[in-house]
């Protein structure tokens, strides 16, 4: 949280993308 607050241009979110075969 402090790392994010130290810079207004920073977002300390992490993530992942799962790509699936076939129509949604």
PDBML (XML) file of the C-alpha atoms, coordinates in Angstrom:
<?xml version="1.0" encoding="UTF-8" ?>
<PDBx:datablock datablockName="MODEL"
   xmlns:PDBx="http://pdbml.pdb.org/schema/pdbx-v50.xsd"
   xmlns:xsi="http://www.w3.org/2001/XMLSchema-instance"
   xsi:schemaLocation="http://pdbml.pdb.org/schema/pdbx-v50.xsd pdbx-v50.xsd">
   <PDBx:atom_siteCategory>
      <PDBx:atom_site id="1">
         <PDBx:B_iso_or_equiv>0.00</PDBx:B_iso_or_equiv>
         <PDBx:Cartn_x>0.000</PDBx:Cartn_x>
         <PDBx:Cartn_y>0.000</PDBx:Cartn_y>
         <PDBx:Cartn_z>0.000</PDBx:Cartn_z>
         <PDBx:auth_asym_id>A</PDBx:auth_asym_id>
         <PDBx:auth_atom_id>CA</PDBx:auth_atom_id>
         <PDBx:auth_comp_id>UNK</PDBx:auth_comp_id>
         <PDBx:auth_seq_id>1</PDBx:auth_seq_id>
         <PDBx:group_PDB>ATOM</PDBx:group_PDB>
         <PDBx:label_alt_id xsi:nil="true" />
         <PDBx:label_asym_id>A</PDBx:label_asym_id>
         <PDBx:label_atom_id>CA</PDBx:label_atom_id>
         <PDBx:label_comp_id>UNK</PDBx:label_comp_id>
         <PDBx:label_entity_id>1</PDBx:label_entity_id>
         <PDBx:label_seq_id>1</PDBx:label_seq_id>
         <PDBx:occupancy>1.00</PDBx:occupancy>
         <PDBx:pdbx_PDB_model_num>1</PDBx:pdbx_PDB_model_num>
         <PDBx:type_symbol>C</PDBx:type_symbol>
      </PDBx:atom_site>
      <PDBx:atom_site id="2">
         <PDBx:B_iso_or_equiv>0.00</PDBx:B_iso_or_equiv>
         <PDBx:Cartn_x>2.845</PDBx:Cartn_x>
         <PDBx:Cartn_y>2.370</PDBx:Cartn_y>
         <PDBx:Cartn_z>0.869</PDBx:Cartn_z>
         <PDBx:auth_asym_id>A</PDBx:auth_asym_id>
         <PDBx:auth_atom_id>CA</PDBx:auth_atom_id>
         <PDBx:auth_comp_id>UNK</PDBx:auth_comp_id>
         <PDBx:auth_seq_id>2</PDBx:auth_seq_id>
         <PDBx:group_PDB>ATOM</PDBx:group_PDB>
         <PDBx:label_alt_id xsi:nil="true" />
         <PDBx:label_asym_id>A</PDBx:label_asym_id>
         <PDBx:label_atom_id>CA</PDBx:label_atom_id>
         <PDBx:label_comp_id>UNK</PDBx:label_comp_id>
         <PDBx:label_entity_id>1</PDBx:label_entity_id>
         <PDBx:label_seq_id>2</PDBx:label_seq_id>
         <PDBx:occupancy>1.00</PDBx:occupancy>
         <PDBx:pdbx_PDB_model_num>1</PDBx:pdbx_PDB_model_num>
         <PDBx:type_symbol>C</PDBx:type_symbol>
      </PDBx:atom_site>
      <PDBx:atom_site id="3">
         <PDBx:B_iso_or_equiv>0.00</PDBx:B_iso_or_equiv>
         <PDBx:Cartn_x>4.573</PDBx:Cartn_x>
         <PDBx:Cartn_y>1.616</PDBx:Cartn_y>
         <PDBx:Cartn_z>-2.428</PDBx:Cartn_z>
         <PDBx:auth_asym_id>A</PDBx:auth_asym_id>
         <PDBx:auth_atom_id>CA</PDBx:auth_atom_id>
         <PDBx:auth_comp_id>UNK</PDBx:auth_comp_id>
         <PDBx:auth_seq_id>3</PDBx:auth_seq_id>
         <PDBx:group_PDB>ATOM</PDBx:group_PDB>
         <PDBx:label_alt_id xsi:nil="true" />
         <PDBx:label_asym_id>A</PDBx:label_asym_id>
         <PDBx:label_atom_id>CA</PDBx:label_atom_id>
         <PDBx:label_comp_id>UNK</PDBx:label_comp_id>
         <PDBx:label_entity_id>1</PDBx:label_entity_id>
         <PDBx:label_seq_id>3</PDBx:label_seq_id>
         <PDBx:occupancy>1.00</PDBx:occupancy>
         <PDBx:pdbx_PDB_model_num>1</PDBx:pdbx_PDB_model_num>
         <PDBx:type_symbol>C</PDBx:type_symbol>
      </PDBx:atom_site>
      <PDBx:atom_site id="4">
         <PDBx:B_iso_or_equiv>0.00</PDBx:B_iso_or_equiv>
         <PDBx:Cartn_x>1.382</PDBx:Cartn_x>
         <PDBx:Cartn_y>2.563</PDBx:Cartn_y>
         <PDBx:Cartn_z>-4.261</PDBx:Cartn_z>
         <PDBx:auth_asym_id>A</PDBx:auth_asym_id>
         <PDBx:auth_atom_id>CA</PDBx:auth_atom_id>
         <PDBx:auth_comp_id>UNK</PDBx:auth_comp_id>
         <PDBx:auth_seq_id>4</PDBx:auth_seq_id>
         <PDBx:group_PDB>ATOM</PDBx:group_PDB>
         <PDBx:label_alt_id xsi:nil="true" />
         <PDBx:label_asym_id>A</PDBx:label_asym_id>
         <PDBx:label_atom_id>CA</PDBx:label_atom_id>
         <PDBx:label_comp_id>UNK</PDBx:label_comp_id>
         <PDBx:label_entity_id>1</PDBx:label_entity_id>
         <PDBx:label_seq_id>4</PDBx:label_seq_id>
         <PDBx:occupancy>1.00</PDBx:occupancy>
         <PDBx:pdbx_PDB_model_num>1</PDBx:pdbx_PDB_model_num>
         <PDBx:type_symbol>C</PDBx:type_symbol>
      </PDBx:atom_site>
      <PDBx:atom_site id="5">
         <PDBx:B_iso_or_equiv>0.00</PDBx:B_iso_or_equiv>
         <PDBx:Cartn_x>0.883</PDBx:Cartn_x>
         <PDBx:Cartn_y>5.710</PDBx:Cartn_y>
         <PDBx:Cartn_z>-2.198</PDBx:Cartn_z>
         <PDBx:auth_asym_id>A</PDBx:auth_asym_id>
         <PDBx:auth_atom_id>CA</PDBx:auth_atom_id>
         <PDBx:auth_comp_id>UNK</PDBx:auth_comp_id>
         <PDBx:auth_seq_id>5</PDBx:auth_seq_id>
         <PDBx:group_PDB>ATOM</PDBx:group_PDB>
         <PDBx:label_alt_id xsi:nil="true" />
         <PDBx:label_asym_id>A</PDBx:label_asym_id>
         <PDBx:label_atom_id>CA</PDBx:label_atom_id>
         <PDBx:label_comp_id>UNK</PDBx:label_comp_id>
         <PDBx:label_entity_id>1</PDBx:label_entity_id>
         <PDBx:label_seq_id>5</PDBx:label_seq_id>
         <PDBx:occupancy>1.00</PDBx:occupancy>
         <PDBx:pdbx_PDB_model_num>1</PDBx:pdbx_PDB_model_num>
         <PDBx:type_symbol>C</PDBx:type_symbol>
      </PDBx:atom_site>
      <PDBx:atom_site id="6">
         <PDBx:B_iso_or_equiv>0.00</PDBx:B_iso_or_equiv>
         <PDBx:Cartn_x>4.457</PDBx:Cartn_x>
         <PDBx:Cartn_y>6.820</PDBx:Cartn_y>
         <PDBx:Cartn_z>-2.892</PDBx:Cartn_z>
         <PDBx:auth_asym_id>A</PDBx:auth_asym_id>
         <PDBx:auth_atom_id>CA</PDBx:auth_atom_id>
         <PDBx:auth_comp_id>UNK</PDBx:auth_comp_id>
         <PDBx:auth_seq_id>6</PDBx:auth_seq_id>
         <PDBx:group_PDB>ATOM</PDBx:group_PDB>
         <PDBx:label_alt_id xsi:nil="true" />
         <PDBx:label_asym_id>A</PDBx:label_asym_id>
         <PDBx:label_atom_id>CA</PDBx:label_atom_id>
         <PDBx:label_comp_id>UNK</PDBx:label_comp_id>
         <PDBx:label_entity_id>1</PDBx:label_entity_id>
         <PDBx:label_seq_id>6</PDBx:label_seq_id>
         <PDBx:occupancy>1.00</PDBx:occupancy>
         <PDBx:pdbx_PDB_model_num>1</PDBx:pdbx_PDB_model_num>
         <PDBx:type_symbol>C</PDBx:type_symbol>
      </PDBx:atom_site>
      <PDBx:atom_site id="7">
         <PDBx:B_iso_or_equiv>0.00</PDBx:B_iso_or_equiv>
         <PDBx:Cartn_x>3.738</PDBx:Cartn_x>
         <PDBx:Cartn_y>7.473</PDBx:Cartn_y>
         <PDBx:Cartn_z>-6.578</PDBx:Cartn_z>
         <PDBx:auth_asym_id>A</PDBx:auth_asym_id>
         <PDBx:auth_atom_id>CA</PDBx:auth_atom_id>
         <PDBx:auth_comp_id>UNK</PDBx:auth_comp_id>
         <PDBx:auth_seq_id>7</PDBx:auth_seq_id>
         <PDBx:group_PDB>ATOM</PDBx:group_PDB>
         <PDBx:label_alt_id xsi:nil="true" />
         <PDBx:label_asym_id>A</PDBx:label_asym_id>
         <PDBx:label_atom_id>CA</PDBx:label_atom_id>
         <PDBx:label_comp_id>UNK</PDBx:label_comp_id>
         <PDBx:label_entity_id>1</PDBx:label_entity_id>
         <PDBx:label_seq_id>7</PDBx:label_seq_id>
         <PDBx:occupancy>1.00</PDBx:occupancy>
         <PDBx:pdbx_PDB_model_num>1</PDBx:pdbx_PDB_model_num>
         <PDBx:type_symbol>C</PDBx:type_symbol>
      </PDBx:atom_site>
      <PDBx:atom_site id="8">
         <PDBx:B_iso_or_equiv>0.00</PDBx:B_iso_or_equiv>
         <PDBx:Cartn_x>0.407</PDBx:Cartn_x>
         <PDBx:Cartn_y>8.696</PDBx:Cartn_y>
         <PDBx:Cartn_z>-8.041</PDBx:Cartn_z>
         <PDBx:auth_asym_id>A</PDBx:auth_asym_id>
         <PDBx:auth_atom_id>CA</PDBx:auth_atom_id>
         <PDBx:auth_comp_id>UNK</PDBx:auth_comp_id>
         <PDBx:auth_seq_id>8</PDBx:auth_seq_id>
         <PDBx:group_PDB>ATOM</PDBx:group_PDB>
         <PDBx:label_alt_id xsi:nil="true" />
         <PDBx:label_asym_id>A</PDBx:label_asym_id>
         <PDBx:label_atom_id>CA</PDBx:label_atom_id>
         <PDBx:label_comp_id>UNK</PDBx:label_comp_id>
         <PDBx:label_entity_id>1</PDBx:label_entity_id>
         <PDBx:label_seq_id>8</PDBx:label_seq_id>
         <PDBx:occupancy>1.00</PDBx:occupancy>
         <PDBx:pdbx_PDB_model_num>1</PDBx:pdbx_PDB_model_num>
         <PDBx:type_symbol>C</PDBx:type_symbol>
      </PDBx:atom_site>
      <PDBx:atom_site id="9">
         <PDBx:B_iso_or_equiv>0.00</PDBx:B_iso_or_equiv>
         <PDBx:Cartn_x>1.233</PDBx:Cartn_x>
         <PDBx:Cartn_y>6.924</PDBx:Cartn_y>
         <PDBx:Cartn_z>-11.315</PDBx:Cartn_z>
         <PDBx:auth_asym_id>A</PDBx:auth_asym_id>
         <PDBx:auth_atom_id>CA</PDBx:auth_atom_id>
         <PDBx:auth_comp_id>UNK</PDBx:auth_comp_id>
         <PDBx:auth_seq_id>9</PDBx:auth_seq_id>
         <PDBx:group_PDB>ATOM</PDBx:group_PDB>
         <PDBx:label_alt_id xsi:nil="true" />
         <PDBx:label_asym_id>A</PDBx:label_asym_id>
         <PDBx:label_atom_id>CA</PDBx:label_atom_id>
         <PDBx:label_comp_id>UNK</PDBx:label_comp_id>
         <PDBx:label_entity_id>1</PDBx:label_entity_id>
         <PDBx:label_seq_id>9</PDBx:label_seq_id>
         <PDBx:occupancy>1.00</PDBx:occupancy>
         <PDBx:pdbx_PDB_model_num>1</PDBx:pdbx_PDB_model_num>
         <PDBx:type_symbol>C</PDBx:type_symbol>
      </PDBx:atom_site>
      <PDBx:atom_site id="10">
         <PDBx:B_iso_or_equiv>0.00</PDBx:B_iso_or_equiv>
         <PDBx:Cartn_x>1.599</PDBx:Cartn_x>
         <PDBx:Cartn_y>3.490</PDBx:Cartn_y>
         <PDBx:Cartn_z>-9.719</PDBx:Cartn_z>
         <PDBx:auth_asym_id>A</PDBx:auth_asym_id>
         <PDBx:auth_atom_id>CA</PDBx:auth_atom_id>
         <PDBx:auth_comp_id>UNK</PDBx:auth_comp_id>
         <PDBx:auth_seq_id>10</PDBx:auth_seq_id>
         <PDBx:group_PDB>ATOM</PDBx:group_PDB>
         <PDBx:label_alt_id xsi:nil="true" />
         <PDBx:label_asym_id>A</PDBx:label_asym_id>
         <PDBx:label_atom_id>CA</PDBx:label_atom_id>
         <PDBx:label_comp_id>UNK</PDBx:label_comp_id>
         <PDBx:label_entity_id>1</PDBx:label_entity_id>
         <PDBx:label_seq_id>10</PDBx:label_seq_id>
         <PDBx:occupancy>1.00</PDBx:occupancy>
         <PDBx:pdbx_PDB_model_num>1</PDBx:pdbx_PDB_model_num>
         <PDBx:type_symbol>C</PDBx:type_symbol>
      </PDBx:atom_site>
      <PDBx:atom_site id="11">
         <PDBx:B_iso_or_equiv>0.00</PDBx:B_iso_or_equiv>
         <PDBx:Cartn_x>-0.952</PDBx:Cartn_x>
         <PDBx:Cartn_y>0.703</PDBx:Cartn_y>
         <PDBx:Cartn_z>-9.331</PDBx:Cartn_z>
         <PDBx:auth_asym_id>A</PDBx:auth_asym_id>
         <PDBx:auth_atom_id>CA</PDBx:auth_atom_id>
         <PDBx:auth_comp_id>UNK</PDBx:auth_comp_id>
         <PDBx:auth_seq_id>11</PDBx:auth_seq_id>
         <PDBx:group_PDB>ATOM</PDBx:group_PDB>
         <PDBx:label_alt_id xsi:nil="true" />
         <PDBx:label_asym_id>A</PDBx:label_asym_id>
         <PDBx:label_atom_id>CA</PDBx:label_atom_id>
         <PDBx:label_comp_id>UNK</PDBx:label_comp_id>
         <PDBx:label_entity_id>1</PDBx:label_entity_id>
         <PDBx:label_seq_id>11</PDBx:label_seq_id>
         <PDBx:occupancy>1.00</PDBx:occupancy>
         <PDBx:pdbx_PDB_model_num>1</PDBx:pdbx_PDB_model_num>
         <PDBx:type_symbol>C</PDBx:type_symbol>
      </PDBx:atom_site>
      <PDBx:atom_site id="12">
         <PDBx:B_iso_or_equiv>0.00</PDBx:B_iso_or_equiv>
         <PDBx:Cartn_x>0.184</PDBx:Cartn_x>
         <PDBx:Cartn_y>-2.183</PDBx:Cartn_y>
         <PDBx:Cartn_z>-7.137</PDBx:Cartn_z>
         <PDBx:auth_asym_id>A</PDBx:auth_asym_id>
         <PDBx:auth_atom_id>CA</PDBx:auth_atom_id>
         <PDBx:auth_comp_id>UNK</PDBx:auth_comp_id>
         <PDBx:auth_seq_id>12</PDBx:auth_seq_id>
         <PDBx:group_PDB>ATOM</PDBx:group_PDB>
         <PDBx:label_alt_id xsi:nil="true" />
         <PDBx:label_asym_id>A</PDBx:label_asym_id>
         <PDBx:label_atom_id>CA</PDBx:label_atom_id>
         <PDBx:label_comp_id>UNK</PDBx:label_comp_id>
         <PDBx:label_entity_id>1</PDBx:label_entity_id>
         <PDBx:label_seq_id>12</PDBx:label_seq_id>
         <PDBx:occupancy>1.00</PDBx:occupancy>
         <PDBx:pdbx_PDB_model_num>1</PDBx:pdbx_PDB_model_num>
         <PDBx:type_symbol>C</PDBx:type_symbol>
      </PDBx:atom_site>
      <PDBx:atom_site id="13">
         <PDBx:B_iso_or_equiv>0.00</PDBx:B_iso_or_equiv>
         <PDBx:Cartn_x>-2.223</PDBx:Cartn_x>
         <PDBx:Cartn_y>-4.694</PDBx:Cartn_y>
         <PDBx:Cartn_z>-8.645</PDBx:Cartn_z>
         <PDBx:auth_asym_id>A</PDBx:auth_asym_id>
         <PDBx:auth_atom_id>CA</PDBx:auth_atom_id>
         <PDBx:auth_comp_id>UNK</PDBx:auth_comp_id>
         <PDBx:auth_seq_id>13</PDBx:auth_seq_id>
         <PDBx:group_PDB>ATOM</PDBx:group_PDB>
         <PDBx:label_alt_id xsi:nil="true" />
         <PDBx:label_asym_id>A</PDBx:label_asym_id>
         <PDBx:label_atom_id>CA</PDBx:label_atom_id>
         <PDBx:label_comp_id>UNK</PDBx:label_comp_id>
         <PDBx:label_entity_id>1</PDBx:label_entity_id>
         <PDBx:label_seq_id>13</PDBx:label_seq_id>
         <PDBx:occupancy>1.00</PDBx:occupancy>
         <PDBx:pdbx_PDB_model_num>1</PDBx:pdbx_PDB_model_num>
         <PDBx:type_symbol>C</PDBx:type_symbol>
      </PDBx:atom_site>
      <PDBx:atom_site id="14">
         <PDBx:B_iso_or_equiv>0.00</PDBx:B_iso_or_equiv>
         <PDBx:Cartn_x>-1.021</PDBx:Cartn_x>
         <PDBx:Cartn_y>-8.030</PDBx:Cartn_y>
         <PDBx:Cartn_z>-9.975</PDBx:Cartn_z>
         <PDBx:auth_asym_id>A</PDBx:auth_asym_id>
         <PDBx:auth_atom_id>CA</PDBx:auth_atom_id>
         <PDBx:auth_comp_id>UNK</PDBx:auth_comp_id>
         <PDBx:auth_seq_id>14</PDBx:auth_seq_id>
         <PDBx:group_PDB>ATOM</PDBx:group_PDB>
         <PDBx:label_alt_id xsi:nil="true" />
         <PDBx:label_asym_id>A</PDBx:label_asym_id>
         <PDBx:label_atom_id>CA</PDBx:label_atom_id>
         <PDBx:label_comp_id>UNK</PDBx:label_comp_id>
         <PDBx:label_entity_id>1</PDBx:label_entity_id>
         <PDBx:label_seq_id>14</PDBx:label_seq_id>
         <PDBx:occupancy>1.00</PDBx:occupancy>
         <PDBx:pdbx_PDB_model_num>1</PDBx:pdbx_PDB_model_num>
         <PDBx:type_symbol>C</PDBx:type_symbol>
      </PDBx:atom_site>
      <PDBx:atom_site id="15">
         <PDBx:B_iso_or_equiv>0.00</PDBx:B_iso_or_equiv>
         <PDBx:Cartn_x>-2.964</PDBx:Cartn_x>
         <PDBx:Cartn_y>-10.363</PDBx:Cartn_y>
         <PDBx:Cartn_z>-12.195</PDBx:Cartn_z>
         <PDBx:auth_asym_id>A</PDBx:auth_asym_id>
         <PDBx:auth_atom_id>CA</PDBx:auth_atom_id>
         <PDBx:auth_comp_id>UNK</PDBx:auth_comp_id>
         <PDBx:auth_seq_id>15</PDBx:auth_seq_id>
         <PDBx:group_PDB>ATOM</PDBx:group_PDB>
         <PDBx:label_alt_id xsi:nil="true" />
         <PDBx:label_asym_id>A</PDBx:label_asym_id>
         <PDBx:label_atom_id>CA</PDBx:label_atom_id>
         <PDBx:label_comp_id>UNK</PDBx:label_comp_id>
         <PDBx:label_entity_id>1</PDBx:label_entity_id>
         <PDBx:label_seq_id>15</PDBx:label_seq_id>
         <PDBx:occupancy>1.00</PDBx:occupancy>
         <PDBx:pdbx_PDB_model_num>1</PDBx:pdbx_PDB_model_num>
         <PDBx:type_symbol>C</PDBx:type_symbol>
      </PDBx:atom_site>
      <PDBx:atom_site id="16">
         <PDBx:B_iso_or_equiv>0.00</PDBx:B_iso_or_equiv>
         <PDBx:Cartn_x>-3.290</PDBx:Cartn_x>
         <PDBx:Cartn_y>-13.210</PDBx:Cartn_y>
         <PDBx:Cartn_z>-14.626</PDBx:Cartn_z>
         <PDBx:auth_asym_id>A</PDBx:auth_asym_id>
         <PDBx:auth_atom_id>CA</PDBx:auth_atom_id>
         <PDBx:auth_comp_id>UNK</PDBx:auth_comp_id>
         <PDBx:auth_seq_id>16</PDBx:auth_seq_id>
         <PDBx:group_PDB>ATOM</PDBx:group_PDB>
         <PDBx:label_alt_id xsi:nil="true" />
         <PDBx:label_asym_id>A</PDBx:label_asym_id>
         <PDBx:label_atom_id>CA</PDBx:label_atom_id>
         <PDBx:label_comp_id>UNK</PDBx:label_comp_id>
         <PDBx:label_entity_id>1</PDBx:label_entity_id>
         <PDBx:label_seq_id>16</PDBx:label_seq_id>
         <PDBx:occupancy>1.00</PDBx:occupancy>
         <PDBx:pdbx_PDB_model_num>1</PDBx:pdbx_PDB_model_num>
         <PDBx:type_symbol>C</PDBx:type_symbol>
      </PDBx:atom_site>
      <PDBx:atom_site id="17">
         <PDBx:B_iso_or_equiv>0.00</PDBx:B_iso_or_equiv>
         <PDBx:Cartn_x>-5.121</PDBx:Cartn_x>
         <PDBx:Cartn_y>-13.896</PDBx:Cartn_y>
         <PDBx:Cartn_z>-17.872</PDBx:Cartn_z>
         <PDBx:auth_asym_id>A</PDBx:auth_asym_id>
         <PDBx:auth_atom_id>CA</PDBx:auth_atom_id>
         <PDBx:auth_comp_id>UNK</PDBx:auth_comp_id>
         <PDBx:auth_seq_id>17</PDBx:auth_seq_id>
         <PDBx:group_PDB>ATOM</PDBx:group_PDB>
         <PDBx:label_alt_id xsi:nil="true" />
         <PDBx:label_asym_id>A</PDBx:label_asym_id>
         <PDBx:label_atom_id>CA</PDBx:label_atom_id>
         <PDBx:label_comp_id>UNK</PDBx:label_comp_id>
         <PDBx:label_entity_id>1</PDBx:label_entity_id>
         <PDBx:label_seq_id>17</PDBx:label_seq_id>
         <PDBx:occupancy>1.00</PDBx:occupancy>
         <PDBx:pdbx_PDB_model_num>1</PDBx:pdbx_PDB_model_num>
         <PDBx:type_symbol>C</PDBx:type_symbol>
      </PDBx:atom_site>
      <PDBx:atom_site id="18">
         <PDBx:B_iso_or_equiv>0.00</PDBx:B_iso_or_equiv>
         <PDBx:Cartn_x>-6.677</PDBx:Cartn_x>
         <PDBx:Cartn_y>-17.251</PDBx:Cartn_y>
         <PDBx:Cartn_z>-18.745</PDBx:Cartn_z>
         <PDBx:auth_asym_id>A</PDBx:auth_asym_id>
         <PDBx:auth_atom_id>CA</PDBx:auth_atom_id>
         <PDBx:auth_comp_id>UNK</PDBx:auth_comp_id>
         <PDBx:auth_seq_id>18</PDBx:auth_seq_id>
         <PDBx:group_PDB>ATOM</PDBx:group_PDB>
         <PDBx:label_alt_id xsi:nil="true" />
         <PDBx:label_asym_id>A</PDBx:label_asym_id>
         <PDBx:label_atom_id>CA</PDBx:label_atom_id>
         <PDBx:label_comp_id>UNK</PDBx:label_comp_id>
         <PDBx:label_entity_id>1</PDBx:label_entity_id>
         <PDBx:label_seq_id>18</PDBx:label_seq_id>
         <PDBx:occupancy>1.00</PDBx:occupancy>
         <PDBx:pdbx_PDB_model_num>1</PDBx:pdbx_PDB_model_num>
         <PDBx:type_symbol>C</PDBx:type_symbol>
      </PDBx:atom_site>
      <PDBx:atom_site id="19">
         <PDBx:B_iso_or_equiv>0.00</PDBx:B_iso_or_equiv>
         <PDBx:Cartn_x>-7.511</PDBx:Cartn_x>
         <PDBx:Cartn_y>-17.648</PDBx:Cartn_y>
         <PDBx:Cartn_z>-22.457</PDBx:Cartn_z>
         <PDBx:auth_asym_id>A</PDBx:auth_asym_id>
         <PDBx:auth_atom_id>CA</PDBx:auth_atom_id>
         <PDBx:auth_comp_id>UNK</PDBx:auth_comp_id>
         <PDBx:auth_seq_id>19</PDBx:auth_seq_id>
         <PDBx:group_PDB>ATOM</PDBx:group_PDB>
         <PDBx:label_alt_id xsi:nil="true" />
         <PDBx:label_asym_id>A</PDBx:label_asym_id>
         <PDBx:label_atom_id>CA</PDBx:label_atom_id>
         <PDBx:label_comp_id>UNK</PDBx:label_comp_id>
         <PDBx:label_entity_id>1</PDBx:label_entity_id>
         <PDBx:label_seq_id>19</PDBx:label_seq_id>
         <PDBx:occupancy>1.00</PDBx:occupancy>
         <PDBx:pdbx_PDB_model_num>1</PDBx:pdbx_PDB_model_num>
         <PDBx:type_symbol>C</PDBx:type_symbol>
      </PDBx:atom_site>
      <PDBx:atom_site id="20">
         <PDBx:B_iso_or_equiv>0.00</PDBx:B_iso_or_equiv>
         <PDBx:Cartn_x>-10.219</PDBx:Cartn_x>
         <PDBx:Cartn_y>-20.206</PDBx:Cartn_y>
         <PDBx:Cartn_z>-23.261</PDBx:Cartn_z>
         <PDBx:auth_asym_id>A</PDBx:auth_asym_id>
         <PDBx:auth_atom_id>CA</PDBx:auth_atom_id>
         <PDBx:auth_comp_id>UNK</PDBx:auth_comp_id>
         <PDBx:auth_seq_id>20</PDBx:auth_seq_id>
         <PDBx:group_PDB>ATOM</PDBx:group_PDB>
         <PDBx:label_alt_id xsi:nil="true" />
         <PDBx:label_asym_id>A</PDBx:label_asym_id>
         <PDBx:label_atom_id>CA</PDBx:label_atom_id>
         <PDBx:label_comp_id>UNK</PDBx:label_comp_id>
         <PDBx:label_entity_id>1</PDBx:label_entity_id>
         <PDBx:label_seq_id>20</PDBx:label_seq_id>
         <PDBx:occupancy>1.00</PDBx:occupancy>
         <PDBx:pdbx_PDB_model_num>1</PDBx:pdbx_PDB_model_num>
         <PDBx:type_symbol>C</PDBx:type_symbol>
      </PDBx:atom_site>
      <PDBx:atom_site id="21">
         <PDBx:B_iso_or_equiv>0.00</PDBx:B_iso_or_equiv>
         <PDBx:Cartn_x>-10.944</PDBx:Cartn_x>
         <PDBx:Cartn_y>-22.067</PDBx:Cartn_y>
         <PDBx:Cartn_z>-26.475</PDBx:Cartn_z>
         <PDBx:auth_asym_id>A</PDBx:auth_asym_id>
         <PDBx:auth_atom_id>CA</PDBx:auth_atom_id>
         <PDBx:auth_comp_id>UNK</PDBx:auth_comp_id>
         <PDBx:auth_seq_id>21</PDBx:auth_seq_id>
         <PDBx:group_PDB>ATOM</PDBx:group_PDB>
         <PDBx:label_alt_id xsi:nil="true" />
         <PDBx:label_asym_id>A</PDBx:label_asym_id>
         <PDBx:label_atom_id>CA</PDBx:label_atom_id>
         <PDBx:label_comp_id>UNK</PDBx:label_comp_id>
         <PDBx:label_entity_id>1</PDBx:label_entity_id>
         <PDBx:label_seq_id>21</PDBx:label_seq_id>
         <PDBx:occupancy>1.00</PDBx:occupancy>
         <PDBx:pdbx_PDB_model_num>1</PDBx:pdbx_PDB_model_num>
         <PDBx:type_symbol>C</PDBx:type_symbol>
      </PDBx:atom_site>
      <PDBx:atom_site id="22">
         <PDBx:B_iso_or_equiv>0.00</PDBx:B_iso_or_equiv>
         <PDBx:Cartn_x>-14.412</PDBx:Cartn_x>
         <PDBx:Cartn_y>-21.675</PDBx:Cartn_y>
         <PDBx:Cartn_z>-27.973</PDBx:Cartn_z>
         <PDBx:auth_asym_id>A</PDBx:auth_asym_id>
         <PDBx:auth_atom_id>CA</PDBx:auth_atom_id>
         <PDBx:auth_comp_id>UNK</PDBx:auth_comp_id>
         <PDBx:auth_seq_id>22</PDBx:auth_seq_id>
         <PDBx:group_PDB>ATOM</PDBx:group_PDB>
         <PDBx:label_alt_id xsi:nil="true" />
         <PDBx:label_asym_id>A</PDBx:label_asym_id>
         <PDBx:label_atom_id>CA</PDBx:label_atom_id>
         <PDBx:label_comp_id>UNK</PDBx:label_comp_id>
         <PDBx:label_entity_id>1</PDBx:label_entity_id>
         <PDBx:label_seq_id>22</PDBx:label_seq_id>
         <PDBx:occupancy>1.00</PDBx:occupancy>
         <PDBx:pdbx_PDB_model_num>1</PDBx:pdbx_PDB_model_num>
         <PDBx:type_symbol>C</PDBx:type_symbol>
      </PDBx:atom_site>
      <PDBx:atom_site id="23">
         <PDBx:B_iso_or_equiv>0.00</PDBx:B_iso_or_equiv>
         <PDBx:Cartn_x>-17.033</PDBx:Cartn_x>
         <PDBx:Cartn_y>-18.919</PDBx:Cartn_y>
         <PDBx:Cartn_z>-27.958</PDBx:Cartn_z>
         <PDBx:auth_asym_id>A</PDBx:auth_asym_id>
         <PDBx:auth_atom_id>CA</PDBx:auth_atom_id>
         <PDBx:auth_comp_id>UNK</PDBx:auth_comp_id>
         <PDBx:auth_seq_id>23</PDBx:auth_seq_id>
         <PDBx:group_PDB>ATOM</PDBx:group_PDB>
         <PDBx:label_alt_id xsi:nil="true" />
         <PDBx:label_asym_id>A</PDBx:label_asym_id>
         <PDBx:label_atom_id>CA</PDBx:label_atom_id>
         <PDBx:label_comp_id>UNK</PDBx:label_comp_id>
         <PDBx:label_entity_id>1</PDBx:label_entity_id>
         <PDBx:label_seq_id>23</PDBx:label_seq_id>
         <PDBx:occupancy>1.00</PDBx:occupancy>
         <PDBx:pdbx_PDB_model_num>1</PDBx:pdbx_PDB_model_num>
         <PDBx:type_symbol>C</PDBx:type_symbol>
      </PDBx:atom_site>
      <PDBx:atom_site id="24">
         <PDBx:B_iso_or_equiv>0.00</PDBx:B_iso_or_equiv>
         <PDBx:Cartn_x>-17.748</PDBx:Cartn_x>
         <PDBx:Cartn_y>-17.125</PDBx:Cartn_y>
         <PDBx:Cartn_z>-24.657</PDBx:Cartn_z>
         <PDBx:auth_asym_id>A</PDBx:auth_asym_id>
         <PDBx:auth_atom_id>CA</PDBx:auth_atom_id>
         <PDBx:auth_comp_id>UNK</PDBx:auth_comp_id>
         <PDBx:auth_seq_id>24</PDBx:auth_seq_id>
         <PDBx:group_PDB>ATOM</PDBx:group_PDB>
         <PDBx:label_alt_id xsi:nil="true" />
         <PDBx:label_asym_id>A</PDBx:label_asym_id>
         <PDBx:label_atom_id>CA</PDBx:label_atom_id>
         <PDBx:label_comp_id>UNK</PDBx:label_comp_id>
         <PDBx:label_entity_id>1</PDBx:label_entity_id>
         <PDBx:label_seq_id>24</PDBx:label_seq_id>
         <PDBx:occupancy>1.00</PDBx:occupancy>
         <PDBx:pdbx_PDB_model_num>1</PDBx:pdbx_PDB_model_num>
         <PDBx:type_symbol>C</PDBx:type_symbol>
      </PDBx:atom_site>
   </PDBx:atom_siteCategory>
</PDBx:datablock>
